[in-house]
Amino acid sequence: MKAVFQPSLLDLDHGIALGPLGDTVERTVLGQGAWIDARPGWLTGADVVFERLAEGVPWKEERRWMYDKVVDVPRLLKFYDEGERLPDPVLDDALEALNAHYLDELGEPFRTAGLCFYRDGRDSVAWHGDTIGRGSTEDTMVAILSLGTPRSLLLRPRGGGHSIRRDLGHGDLLVMGGSCQRTWEHAIPKTSRPTGPRISVQFRPRGVR
């Protein structure tokens, strides 16, 4: 998948590396047992990783039932189940680092990686929680590594309410935890502004989608 992405001037002179987590992670309590962690600029050298994933992942177009009809999913997708080889070594490193940081709190490791390719501002994801599987009844975590053009992630209490905006930039990490998947919803809205491509990598425990 050829994507036109404007590299970051801040990323040009750096090799591929993940920064520390620990006290560099900032937690925001959302309420109802939900929270999010943010670690801006976790991955340096993200330009190279973006290009490798854009070109090397076997992206798929999907169609789904929505509002009583079958529609095109407005983004490209690829899911890597546990035991499958991830498409880039830095994603293995990210999985290892996330497990080292969150294992005690989560009580189990992250095991899968779901990738989404937002080709431009017309691609999006509607309000939802990751409630296919255990996320509908249990506290869990979903860790998102964002690559490419920054996009806004919106969060709101399930059932409606005031939304929170978090801008996810190139190489940023955001983790949704606690009851977030069942008591809150999140979305990446469409935008009419000229917007380049973005890849989102979502790490999840077993049985959470």
N, C-alpha and C. Protein backbone atom coordinates (compact mmCIF):
# COMPACT_ATOMS: atom_id res chain seq x y z
N MET A 1 0.86 -1.19 0.00
CA MET A 1 0.00 0.00 0.00
C MET A 1 0.89 1.23 0.00
N LYS A 2 0.91 1.95 -1.12
CA LYS A 2 1.72 3.16 -1.21
C LYS A 2 0.98 4.30 -0.54
N ALA A 3 1.66 4.98 0.38
CA ALA A 3 1.04 6.08 1.11
C ALA A 3 1.93 7.30 1.02
N VAL A 4 1.30 8.46 0.84
CA VAL A 4 2.04 9.71 0.79
C VAL A 4 2.06 10.28 2.20
N PHE A 5 3.20 10.19 2.85
CA PHE A 5 3.34 10.63 4.23
C PHE A 5 4.49 11.61 4.32
N GLN A 6 4.27 12.75 4.96
CA GLN A 6 5.31 13.76 5.15
C GLN A 6 6.14 13.40 6.37
N PRO A 7 7.39 12.99 6.20
CA PRO A 7 8.20 12.61 7.36
C PRO A 7 8.38 13.76 8.34
N SER A 8 8.59 13.39 9.58
CA SER A 8 8.82 14.38 10.63
C SER A 8 10.27 14.84 10.60
N LEU A 9 10.49 16.15 10.63
CA LEU A 9 11.85 16.67 10.67
C LEU A 9 12.55 16.27 11.96
N LEU A 10 11.77 16.04 13.02
CA LEU A 10 12.36 15.65 14.30
C LEU A 10 12.80 14.19 14.30
N ASP A 11 12.34 13.42 13.32
CA ASP A 11 12.60 12.00 13.30
C ASP A 11 13.73 11.61 12.36
N LEU A 12 14.22 12.56 11.56
CA LEU A 12 15.12 12.21 10.49
C LEU A 12 16.48 11.71 10.98
N ASP A 13 16.96 12.21 12.09
CA ASP A 13 18.31 11.88 12.54
C ASP A 13 18.34 10.81 13.62
N HIS A 14 17.21 10.14 13.85
CA HIS A 14 17.14 9.15 14.92
C HIS A 14 16.98 7.75 14.34
N GLY A 15 17.62 6.78 15.01
CA GLY A 15 17.36 5.39 14.68
C GLY A 15 16.05 4.95 15.30
N ILE A 16 15.66 3.70 15.02
CA ILE A 16 14.42 3.17 15.56
C ILE A 16 14.65 2.74 17.00
N ALA A 17 13.88 3.31 17.92
CA ALA A 17 14.05 2.99 19.34
C ALA A 17 12.78 3.33 20.10
N LEU A 18 12.50 2.52 21.10
CA LEU A 18 11.40 2.80 22.02
C LEU A 18 11.96 3.45 23.27
N GLY A 19 11.32 4.53 23.70
CA GLY A 19 11.75 5.18 24.92
C GLY A 19 11.30 4.41 26.15
N PRO A 20 11.71 4.85 27.32
CA PRO A 20 11.26 4.20 28.55
C PRO A 20 9.78 4.47 28.80
N LEU A 21 9.20 3.65 29.63
CA LEU A 21 7.82 3.90 30.09
C LEU A 21 7.93 4.42 31.53
N GLY A 22 7.65 3.62 32.51
CA GLY A 22 7.85 4.07 33.89
C GLY A 22 7.17 5.38 34.18
N ASP A 23 7.89 6.31 34.77
CA ASP A 23 7.29 7.58 35.17
C ASP A 23 7.15 8.57 34.01
N THR A 24 7.48 8.15 32.79
CA THR A 24 7.22 9.00 31.62
C THR A 24 5.78 8.89 31.16
N VAL A 25 5.04 7.95 31.71
CA VAL A 25 3.65 7.72 31.34
C VAL A 25 2.75 8.57 32.23
N GLU A 26 1.84 9.33 31.63
CA GLU A 26 0.92 10.18 32.38
C GLU A 26 -0.48 9.59 32.37
N ARG A 27 -1.04 9.34 33.53
CA ARG A 27 -2.38 8.75 33.64
C ARG A 27 -3.44 9.81 33.87
N THR A 28 -4.56 9.67 33.17
CA THR A 28 -5.74 10.51 33.36
C THR A 28 -6.90 9.63 33.77
N VAL A 29 -7.50 9.90 34.93
CA VAL A 29 -8.65 9.14 35.40
C VAL A 29 -9.90 9.72 34.75
N LEU A 30 -10.66 8.84 34.06
CA LEU A 30 -11.86 9.28 33.35
C LEU A 30 -13.11 9.19 34.20
N GLY A 31 -13.14 8.31 35.16
CA GLY A 31 -14.33 8.06 35.96
C GLY A 31 -14.94 6.72 35.62
N GLN A 32 -15.81 6.22 36.49
CA GLN A 32 -16.47 4.93 36.34
C GLN A 32 -15.46 3.78 36.24
N GLY A 33 -14.31 3.96 36.85
CA GLY A 33 -13.29 2.92 36.84
C GLY A 33 -12.42 2.92 35.60
N ALA A 34 -12.57 3.91 34.73
CA ALA A 34 -11.81 3.96 33.48
C ALA A 34 -10.66 4.96 33.58
N TRP A 35 -9.60 4.72 32.82
CA TRP A 35 -8.47 5.63 32.77
C TRP A 35 -7.76 5.49 31.43
N ILE A 36 -6.94 6.49 31.11
CA ILE A 36 -6.06 6.40 29.95
C ILE A 36 -4.66 6.82 30.37
N ASP A 37 -3.66 6.17 29.79
CA ASP A 37 -2.27 6.54 29.94
C ASP A 37 -1.76 7.11 28.62
N ALA A 38 -0.94 8.13 28.68
CA ALA A 38 -0.36 8.73 27.48
C ALA A 38 1.15 8.80 27.62
N ARG A 39 1.84 8.42 26.53
CA ARG A 39 3.30 8.53 26.49
C ARG A 39 3.65 9.08 25.10
N PRO A 40 3.68 10.43 24.95
CA PRO A 40 4.02 11.02 23.65
C PRO A 40 5.44 10.65 23.21
N GLY A 41 5.62 10.47 21.90
CA GLY A 41 6.94 10.23 21.35
C GLY A 41 7.62 8.98 21.84
N TRP A 42 6.84 7.94 22.12
CA TRP A 42 7.44 6.71 22.65
C TRP A 42 8.40 6.08 21.64
N LEU A 43 8.01 6.10 20.35
CA LEU A 43 8.83 5.49 19.30
C LEU A 43 9.53 6.57 18.49
N THR A 44 10.86 6.54 18.48
CA THR A 44 11.61 7.37 17.55
C THR A 44 11.99 6.51 16.34
N GLY A 45 12.29 7.20 15.23
CA GLY A 45 12.49 6.46 13.99
C GLY A 45 11.19 5.96 13.41
N ALA A 46 10.07 6.59 13.82
CA ALA A 46 8.74 6.11 13.42
C ALA A 46 8.50 6.25 11.92
N ASP A 47 9.22 7.18 11.25
CA ASP A 47 9.06 7.32 9.80
C ASP A 47 9.38 6.01 9.09
N VAL A 48 10.48 5.39 9.48
CA VAL A 48 10.91 4.14 8.84
C VAL A 48 9.90 3.04 9.12
N VAL A 49 9.43 2.96 10.37
CA VAL A 49 8.47 1.92 10.74
C VAL A 49 7.16 2.11 9.97
N PHE A 50 6.71 3.36 9.86
CA PHE A 50 5.50 3.62 9.10
C PHE A 50 5.63 3.11 7.66
N GLU A 51 6.72 3.44 7.00
CA GLU A 51 6.89 3.02 5.61
C GLU A 51 6.96 1.50 5.48
N ARG A 52 7.62 0.85 6.43
CA ARG A 52 7.71 -0.61 6.36
C ARG A 52 6.35 -1.27 6.55
N LEU A 53 5.55 -0.74 7.47
CA LEU A 53 4.22 -1.31 7.67
C LEU A 53 3.30 -0.99 6.50
N ALA A 54 3.36 0.24 6.00
CA ALA A 54 2.50 0.61 4.87
C ALA A 54 2.75 -0.28 3.67
N GLU A 55 4.02 -0.61 3.42
CA GLU A 55 4.37 -1.40 2.24
C GLU A 55 4.30 -2.90 2.51
N GLY A 56 4.59 -3.33 3.74
CA GLY A 56 4.78 -4.75 4.00
C GLY A 56 3.61 -5.50 4.57
N VAL A 57 2.65 -4.83 5.17
CA VAL A 57 1.49 -5.51 5.76
C VAL A 57 0.48 -5.86 4.66
N PRO A 58 -0.06 -7.06 4.66
CA PRO A 58 -1.08 -7.43 3.67
C PRO A 58 -2.45 -6.85 4.06
N TRP A 59 -2.63 -5.57 3.83
CA TRP A 59 -3.85 -4.87 4.25
C TRP A 59 -5.07 -5.44 3.54
N LYS A 60 -6.20 -5.43 4.26
CA LYS A 60 -7.44 -5.98 3.73
C LYS A 60 -8.56 -4.96 3.80
N GLU A 61 -9.36 -4.92 2.76
CA GLU A 61 -10.60 -4.17 2.79
C GLU A 61 -11.70 -5.09 3.30
N GLU A 62 -12.56 -4.58 4.17
CA GLU A 62 -13.64 -5.39 4.73
C GLU A 62 -14.98 -4.69 4.57
N ARG A 63 -16.03 -5.48 4.61
CA ARG A 63 -17.40 -4.97 4.60
C ARG A 63 -18.12 -5.55 5.81
N ARG A 64 -18.98 -4.73 6.44
CA ARG A 64 -19.67 -5.17 7.66
C ARG A 64 -21.11 -4.69 7.65
N TRP A 65 -21.93 -5.42 8.41
CA TRP A 65 -23.30 -4.96 8.62
C TRP A 65 -23.30 -3.76 9.53
N MET A 66 -24.01 -2.72 9.13
CA MET A 66 -24.18 -1.53 9.96
C MET A 66 -25.46 -0.83 9.53
N TYR A 67 -26.29 -0.55 10.50
CA TYR A 67 -27.55 0.14 10.24
C TYR A 67 -28.38 -0.61 9.18
N ASP A 68 -28.48 -1.93 9.34
CA ASP A 68 -29.33 -2.79 8.50
C ASP A 68 -28.85 -2.90 7.06
N LYS A 69 -27.57 -2.63 6.81
CA LYS A 69 -27.03 -2.83 5.46
C LYS A 69 -25.54 -3.12 5.55
N VAL A 70 -25.00 -3.67 4.49
CA VAL A 70 -23.57 -3.97 4.42
C VAL A 70 -22.85 -2.75 3.86
N VAL A 71 -21.83 -2.28 4.58
CA VAL A 71 -21.09 -1.09 4.16
C VAL A 71 -19.59 -1.40 4.15
N ASP A 72 -18.84 -0.60 3.40
CA ASP A 72 -17.39 -0.71 3.40
C ASP A 72 -16.84 -0.18 4.72
N VAL A 73 -15.91 -0.89 5.31
CA VAL A 73 -15.21 -0.40 6.49
C VAL A 73 -14.28 0.73 6.04
N PRO A 74 -14.40 1.93 6.63
CA PRO A 74 -13.63 3.08 6.14
C PRO A 74 -12.19 3.12 6.64
N ARG A 75 -11.46 2.04 6.45
CA ARG A 75 -10.04 1.95 6.76
C ARG A 75 -9.61 0.55 6.34
N LEU A 76 -8.32 0.33 6.20
CA LEU A 76 -7.79 -0.99 5.89
C LEU A 76 -7.37 -1.68 7.19
N LEU A 77 -7.42 -3.01 7.20
CA LEU A 77 -7.24 -3.75 8.45
C LEU A 77 -6.30 -4.94 8.28
N LYS A 78 -5.66 -5.33 9.37
CA LYS A 78 -4.93 -6.59 9.45
C LYS A 78 -4.81 -6.96 10.92
N PHE A 79 -5.19 -8.19 11.27
CA PHE A 79 -5.15 -8.67 12.65
C PHE A 79 -4.11 -9.78 12.77
N TYR A 80 -3.26 -9.67 13.79
CA TYR A 80 -2.26 -10.69 14.09
C TYR A 80 -2.62 -11.34 15.42
N ASP A 81 -3.06 -12.59 15.35
CA ASP A 81 -3.43 -13.33 16.55
C ASP A 81 -2.18 -13.78 17.29
N GLU A 82 -2.36 -14.22 18.53
CA GLU A 82 -1.20 -14.68 19.29
C GLU A 82 -0.57 -15.87 18.57
N GLY A 83 0.73 -15.91 18.55
CA GLY A 83 1.46 -16.95 17.84
C GLY A 83 1.81 -16.58 16.42
N GLU A 84 1.13 -15.58 15.84
CA GLU A 84 1.48 -15.13 14.50
C GLU A 84 2.67 -14.18 14.56
N ARG A 85 3.49 -14.26 13.56
CA ARG A 85 4.66 -13.38 13.49
C ARG A 85 4.21 -11.95 13.17
N LEU A 86 4.64 -11.00 13.99
CA LEU A 86 4.30 -9.60 13.75
C LEU A 86 5.09 -9.07 12.56
N PRO A 87 4.58 -8.03 11.89
CA PRO A 87 5.17 -7.61 10.62
C PRO A 87 6.45 -6.79 10.73
N ASP A 88 6.86 -6.42 11.94
CA ASP A 88 8.09 -5.64 12.10
C ASP A 88 8.69 -5.92 13.47
N PRO A 89 10.01 -6.06 13.56
CA PRO A 89 10.63 -6.37 14.85
C PRO A 89 10.33 -5.35 15.95
N VAL A 90 10.13 -4.08 15.58
CA VAL A 90 9.88 -3.08 16.63
C VAL A 90 8.54 -3.33 17.30
N LEU A 91 7.60 -3.99 16.63
CA LEU A 91 6.34 -4.32 17.27
C LEU A 91 6.52 -5.43 18.30
N ASP A 92 7.44 -6.36 18.05
CA ASP A 92 7.80 -7.35 19.07
C ASP A 92 8.41 -6.65 20.28
N ASP A 93 9.28 -5.67 20.03
CA ASP A 93 9.89 -4.93 21.13
C ASP A 93 8.83 -4.15 21.91
N ALA A 94 7.87 -3.55 21.18
CA ALA A 94 6.80 -2.80 21.85
C ALA A 94 5.96 -3.72 22.72
N LEU A 95 5.63 -4.90 22.21
CA LEU A 95 4.84 -5.86 22.97
C LEU A 95 5.58 -6.26 24.25
N GLU A 96 6.88 -6.51 24.13
CA GLU A 96 7.68 -6.88 25.30
C GLU A 96 7.73 -5.75 26.32
N ALA A 97 7.91 -4.51 25.84
CA ALA A 97 7.99 -3.38 26.75
C ALA A 97 6.66 -3.12 27.45
N LEU A 98 5.55 -3.25 26.72
CA LEU A 98 4.24 -3.07 27.32
C LEU A 98 3.97 -4.12 28.39
N ASN A 99 4.36 -5.35 28.11
CA ASN A 99 4.14 -6.41 29.09
C ASN A 99 5.01 -6.20 30.33
N ALA A 100 6.22 -5.73 30.14
CA ALA A 100 7.08 -5.46 31.30
C ALA A 100 6.50 -4.36 32.18
N HIS A 101 5.86 -3.36 31.55
CA HIS A 101 5.33 -2.23 32.31
C HIS A 101 3.96 -2.51 32.93
N TYR A 102 3.10 -3.23 32.21
CA TYR A 102 1.70 -3.34 32.63
C TYR A 102 1.31 -4.73 33.17
N LEU A 103 2.19 -5.70 33.11
CA LEU A 103 1.79 -7.07 33.46
C LEU A 103 1.22 -7.17 34.87
N ASP A 104 1.85 -6.57 35.84
CA ASP A 104 1.36 -6.68 37.22
C ASP A 104 -0.02 -6.07 37.36
N GLU A 105 -0.24 -4.92 36.74
CA GLU A 105 -1.54 -4.25 36.85
C GLU A 105 -2.61 -4.96 36.04
N LEU A 106 -2.26 -5.40 34.83
CA LEU A 106 -3.23 -6.06 33.96
C LEU A 106 -3.51 -7.49 34.41
N GLY A 107 -2.49 -8.16 34.94
CA GLY A 107 -2.66 -9.53 35.40
C GLY A 107 -2.49 -10.57 34.32
N GLU A 108 -2.15 -10.15 33.13
CA GLU A 108 -1.93 -11.05 31.99
C GLU A 108 -1.20 -10.25 30.92
N PRO A 109 -0.56 -10.94 29.96
CA PRO A 109 0.18 -10.20 28.94
C PRO A 109 -0.71 -9.75 27.77
N PHE A 110 -0.26 -8.71 27.09
CA PHE A 110 -0.78 -8.40 25.77
C PHE A 110 -0.32 -9.50 24.81
N ARG A 111 -1.23 -9.95 23.93
CA ARG A 111 -0.89 -11.09 23.08
C ARG A 111 -1.15 -10.86 21.59
N THR A 112 -2.06 -9.96 21.23
CA THR A 112 -2.43 -9.80 19.83
C THR A 112 -2.15 -8.37 19.37
N ALA A 113 -2.15 -8.19 18.06
CA ALA A 113 -1.94 -6.85 17.48
C ALA A 113 -2.91 -6.67 16.31
N GLY A 114 -3.75 -5.65 16.42
CA GLY A 114 -4.64 -5.29 15.32
C GLY A 114 -4.15 -4.00 14.69
N LEU A 115 -4.01 -3.98 13.38
CA LEU A 115 -3.51 -2.81 12.67
C LEU A 115 -4.60 -2.19 11.83
N CYS A 116 -4.70 -0.87 11.86
CA CYS A 116 -5.64 -0.12 11.02
C CYS A 116 -4.86 0.90 10.20
N PHE A 117 -5.21 1.03 8.93
CA PHE A 117 -4.59 1.99 8.03
C PHE A 117 -5.64 3.02 7.64
N TYR A 118 -5.47 4.24 8.14
CA TYR A 118 -6.33 5.37 7.78
C TYR A 118 -5.65 6.10 6.62
N ARG A 119 -6.20 5.95 5.43
CA ARG A 119 -5.51 6.45 4.23
C ARG A 119 -5.55 7.96 4.12
N ASP A 120 -6.61 8.58 4.59
CA ASP A 120 -6.75 10.04 4.57
C ASP A 120 -7.86 10.41 5.54
N GLY A 121 -8.30 11.68 5.51
CA GLY A 121 -9.31 12.13 6.45
C GLY A 121 -10.68 11.52 6.28
N ARG A 122 -10.91 10.86 5.15
CA ARG A 122 -12.20 10.20 4.94
C ARG A 122 -12.29 8.88 5.69
N ASP A 123 -11.15 8.30 6.04
CA ASP A 123 -11.15 7.06 6.82
C ASP A 123 -11.34 7.39 8.30
N SER A 124 -12.05 6.50 9.00
CA SER A 124 -12.45 6.81 10.37
C SER A 124 -12.84 5.53 11.09
N VAL A 125 -13.19 5.68 12.37
CA VAL A 125 -13.84 4.60 13.11
C VAL A 125 -14.91 5.25 13.99
N ALA A 126 -16.11 4.68 13.96
CA ALA A 126 -17.24 5.25 14.69
C ALA A 126 -17.12 4.96 16.19
N TRP A 127 -18.00 5.61 16.96
CA TRP A 127 -18.02 5.40 18.41
C TRP A 127 -18.20 3.92 18.72
N HIS A 128 -17.35 3.40 19.61
CA HIS A 128 -17.43 2.00 19.98
C HIS A 128 -16.55 1.76 21.21
N GLY A 129 -16.73 0.60 21.81
CA GLY A 129 -15.79 0.06 22.78
C GLY A 129 -15.33 -1.30 22.28
N ASP A 130 -14.17 -1.75 22.70
CA ASP A 130 -13.69 -3.07 22.28
C ASP A 130 -14.35 -4.12 23.17
N THR A 131 -15.60 -4.43 22.83
CA THR A 131 -16.42 -5.28 23.69
C THR A 131 -16.75 -6.62 23.06
N ILE A 132 -16.04 -6.98 21.99
CA ILE A 132 -16.18 -8.34 21.46
C ILE A 132 -15.29 -9.24 22.32
N GLY A 133 -15.89 -10.09 23.11
CA GLY A 133 -15.12 -10.92 24.03
C GLY A 133 -15.16 -10.36 25.45
N ARG A 134 -14.08 -10.54 26.17
CA ARG A 134 -14.05 -10.26 27.60
C ARG A 134 -14.15 -8.78 27.94
N GLY A 135 -13.88 -7.91 26.97
CA GLY A 135 -13.95 -6.48 27.26
C GLY A 135 -15.33 -6.00 27.62
N SER A 136 -16.36 -6.80 27.31
CA SER A 136 -17.73 -6.40 27.62
C SER A 136 -18.08 -6.61 29.09
N THR A 137 -17.31 -7.44 29.79
CA THR A 137 -17.64 -7.77 31.17
C THR A 137 -16.48 -7.60 32.15
N GLU A 138 -15.26 -7.46 31.65
CA GLU A 138 -14.10 -7.42 32.52
C GLU A 138 -13.27 -6.17 32.26
N ASP A 139 -12.58 -5.70 33.31
CA ASP A 139 -11.57 -4.67 33.12
C ASP A 139 -10.43 -5.23 32.27
N THR A 140 -9.91 -4.41 31.38
CA THR A 140 -8.81 -4.85 30.52
C THR A 140 -8.03 -3.64 30.05
N MET A 141 -7.11 -3.84 29.14
CA MET A 141 -6.34 -2.74 28.56
C MET A 141 -6.22 -2.93 27.05
N VAL A 142 -6.19 -1.80 26.36
CA VAL A 142 -5.88 -1.76 24.93
C VAL A 142 -4.83 -0.68 24.75
N ALA A 143 -3.66 -1.06 24.21
CA ALA A 143 -2.55 -0.12 24.02
C ALA A 143 -2.45 0.22 22.54
N ILE A 144 -2.43 1.52 22.23
CA ILE A 144 -2.41 2.00 20.85
C ILE A 144 -1.10 2.72 20.57
N LEU A 145 -0.36 2.22 19.58
CA LEU A 145 0.81 2.91 19.06
C LEU A 145 0.41 3.58 17.76
N SER A 146 0.56 4.90 17.69
CA SER A 146 0.12 5.67 16.53
C SER A 146 1.32 6.06 15.68
N LEU A 147 1.20 5.86 14.35
CA LEU A 147 2.26 6.18 13.41
C LEU A 147 1.68 7.00 12.27
N GLY A 148 2.43 7.98 11.80
CA GLY A 148 1.98 8.75 10.66
C GLY A 148 1.35 10.07 11.05
N THR A 149 0.46 10.55 10.20
CA THR A 149 -0.16 11.85 10.39
C THR A 149 -0.99 11.86 11.68
N PRO A 150 -0.84 12.87 12.52
CA PRO A 150 -1.64 12.93 13.75
C PRO A 150 -3.13 12.96 13.45
N ARG A 151 -3.90 12.24 14.26
CA ARG A 151 -5.36 12.27 14.21
C ARG A 151 -5.90 12.39 15.62
N SER A 152 -7.12 12.88 15.73
CA SER A 152 -7.76 13.05 17.04
C SER A 152 -8.50 11.79 17.45
N LEU A 153 -8.27 11.33 18.67
CA LEU A 153 -9.04 10.26 19.29
C LEU A 153 -10.02 10.92 20.25
N LEU A 154 -11.30 10.63 20.09
CA LEU A 154 -12.32 11.15 21.00
C LEU A 154 -12.77 10.05 21.95
N LEU A 155 -13.03 10.42 23.19
CA LEU A 155 -13.58 9.50 24.18
C LEU A 155 -14.78 10.15 24.84
N ARG A 156 -15.81 9.35 25.14
CA ARG A 156 -16.98 9.86 25.85
C ARG A 156 -17.59 8.74 26.68
N PRO A 157 -18.32 9.06 27.74
CA PRO A 157 -19.00 8.02 28.51
C PRO A 157 -19.99 7.27 27.64
N ARG A 158 -20.09 5.97 27.86
CA ARG A 158 -21.04 5.18 27.09
C ARG A 158 -22.46 5.69 27.35
N GLY A 159 -23.22 5.85 26.29
CA GLY A 159 -24.55 6.41 26.40
C GLY A 159 -24.59 7.90 26.11
N GLY A 160 -23.43 8.49 25.91
CA GLY A 160 -23.37 9.91 25.58
C GLY A 160 -22.83 10.75 26.72
N GLY A 161 -22.47 11.96 26.40
CA GLY A 161 -21.91 12.86 27.40
C GLY A 161 -20.78 13.66 26.80
N HIS A 162 -20.15 14.46 27.64
CA HIS A 162 -19.06 15.33 27.18
C HIS A 162 -17.90 14.50 26.69
N SER A 163 -17.38 14.81 25.51
CA SER A 163 -16.28 14.05 24.94
C SER A 163 -14.93 14.69 25.28
N ILE A 164 -13.91 13.85 25.31
CA ILE A 164 -12.54 14.25 25.56
C ILE A 164 -11.75 14.00 24.28
N ARG A 165 -10.92 14.96 23.88
CA ARG A 165 -10.12 14.83 22.67
C ARG A 165 -8.65 14.62 23.03
N ARG A 166 -8.05 13.61 22.44
CA ARG A 166 -6.62 13.38 22.57
C ARG A 166 -6.03 13.30 21.17
N ASP A 167 -5.08 14.17 20.85
CA ASP A 167 -4.42 14.13 19.56
C ASP A 167 -3.27 13.14 19.61
N LEU A 168 -3.35 12.11 18.76
CA LEU A 168 -2.33 11.07 18.73
C LEU A 168 -1.36 11.38 17.60
N GLY A 169 -0.10 11.64 17.97
CA GLY A 169 0.91 12.01 17.01
C GLY A 169 1.78 10.82 16.61
N HIS A 170 2.79 11.15 15.82
CA HIS A 170 3.69 10.16 15.23
C HIS A 170 4.58 9.55 16.31
N GLY A 171 4.39 8.25 16.57
CA GLY A 171 5.18 7.56 17.59
C GLY A 171 4.60 7.61 18.98
N ASP A 172 3.39 8.17 19.14
CA ASP A 172 2.77 8.29 20.46
C ASP A 172 2.14 6.96 20.90
N LEU A 173 2.10 6.78 22.21
CA LEU A 173 1.43 5.63 22.83
C LEU A 173 0.27 6.13 23.67
N LEU A 174 -0.89 5.47 23.54
CA LEU A 174 -2.03 5.72 24.41
C LEU A 174 -2.59 4.38 24.85
N VAL A 175 -2.83 4.23 26.14
CA VAL A 175 -3.37 2.98 26.69
C VAL A 175 -4.70 3.28 27.37
N MET A 176 -5.74 2.55 26.99
CA MET A 176 -7.05 2.64 27.64
C MET A 176 -7.17 1.47 28.61
N GLY A 177 -7.48 1.77 29.88
CA GLY A 177 -7.48 0.71 30.87
C GLY A 177 -8.65 0.76 31.82
N GLY A 178 -8.65 -0.19 32.76
CA GLY A 178 -9.75 -0.31 33.71
C GLY A 178 -11.02 -0.71 32.99
N SER A 179 -12.11 -0.01 33.29
CA SER A 179 -13.41 -0.32 32.69
C SER A 179 -13.64 0.43 31.37
N CYS A 180 -12.59 1.02 30.81
CA CYS A 180 -12.75 1.96 29.69
C CYS A 180 -13.54 1.37 28.52
N GLN A 181 -13.32 0.09 28.20
CA GLN A 181 -13.97 -0.48 27.02
C GLN A 181 -15.47 -0.68 27.20
N ARG A 182 -15.93 -0.86 28.43
CA ARG A 182 -17.36 -1.09 28.62
C ARG A 182 -18.11 0.13 29.18
N THR A 183 -17.41 1.09 29.78
CA THR A 183 -18.09 2.26 30.34
C THR A 183 -17.85 3.53 29.53
N TRP A 184 -16.89 3.49 28.61
CA TRP A 184 -16.61 4.62 27.72
C TRP A 184 -16.57 4.12 26.28
N GLU A 185 -16.67 5.05 25.34
CA GLU A 185 -16.52 4.75 23.92
C GLU A 185 -15.42 5.64 23.35
N HIS A 186 -14.86 5.21 22.24
CA HIS A 186 -13.84 6.03 21.57
C HIS A 186 -14.08 6.01 20.06
N ALA A 187 -13.54 7.01 19.38
CA ALA A 187 -13.75 7.15 17.94
C ALA A 187 -12.60 7.95 17.33
N ILE A 188 -12.34 7.70 16.05
CA ILE A 188 -11.49 8.55 15.22
C ILE A 188 -12.40 9.17 14.17
N PRO A 189 -12.78 10.44 14.32
CA PRO A 189 -13.75 11.02 13.40
C PRO A 189 -13.13 11.36 12.05
N LYS A 190 -14.00 11.44 11.04
CA LYS A 190 -13.57 11.94 9.74
C LYS A 190 -13.18 13.40 9.87
N THR A 191 -12.38 13.87 8.93
CA THR A 191 -12.02 15.28 8.89
C THR A 191 -11.99 15.75 7.44
N SER A 192 -12.45 16.97 7.20
CA SER A 192 -12.45 17.53 5.86
C SER A 192 -11.14 18.23 5.53
N ARG A 193 -10.28 18.37 6.53
CA ARG A 193 -8.98 19.00 6.30
C ARG A 193 -8.06 18.05 5.54
N PRO A 194 -7.17 18.56 4.69
CA PRO A 194 -6.19 17.69 4.03
C PRO A 194 -5.37 16.93 5.08
N THR A 195 -5.44 15.62 5.03
CA THR A 195 -4.84 14.79 6.07
C THR A 195 -4.12 13.62 5.44
N GLY A 196 -2.89 13.40 5.86
CA GLY A 196 -2.11 12.28 5.35
C GLY A 196 -2.47 10.98 6.03
N PRO A 197 -1.79 9.90 5.68
CA PRO A 197 -2.13 8.57 6.19
C PRO A 197 -1.63 8.35 7.62
N ARG A 198 -2.31 7.45 8.30
CA ARG A 198 -1.97 7.08 9.68
C ARG A 198 -2.14 5.59 9.85
N ILE A 199 -1.25 4.97 10.61
CA ILE A 199 -1.37 3.56 10.99
C ILE A 199 -1.51 3.49 12.50
N SER A 200 -2.50 2.74 12.95
CA SER A 200 -2.73 2.50 14.37
C SER A 200 -2.47 1.03 14.67
N VAL A 201 -1.65 0.78 15.69
CA VAL A 201 -1.37 -0.60 16.12
C VAL A 201 -1.96 -0.76 17.51
N GLN A 202 -2.91 -1.70 17.64
CA GLN A 202 -3.60 -1.92 18.91
C GLN A 202 -3.18 -3.26 19.51
N PHE A 203 -2.53 -3.20 20.65
CA PHE A 203 -2.12 -4.42 21.37
C PHE A 203 -3.19 -4.75 22.40
N ARG A 204 -3.62 -6.03 22.43
CA ARG A 204 -4.68 -6.46 23.34
C ARG A 204 -4.34 -7.79 23.99
N PRO A 205 -4.92 -8.06 25.17
CA PRO A 205 -4.79 -9.39 25.75
C PRO A 205 -5.64 -10.41 24.99
N ARG A 206 -5.45 -11.65 25.33
CA ARG A 206 -6.23 -12.74 24.71
C ARG A 206 -7.73 -12.53 24.97
N GLY A 207 -8.53 -12.73 23.94
CA GLY A 207 -9.98 -12.69 24.10
C GLY A 207 -10.58 -11.31 24.14
N VAL A 208 -9.82 -10.28 23.79
CA VAL A 208 -10.34 -8.90 23.76
C VAL A 208 -10.22 -8.40 22.32
N ARG A 209 -11.35 -7.90 21.77
CA ARG A 209 -11.32 -7.35 20.39
C ARG A 209 -12.15 -6.08 20.36
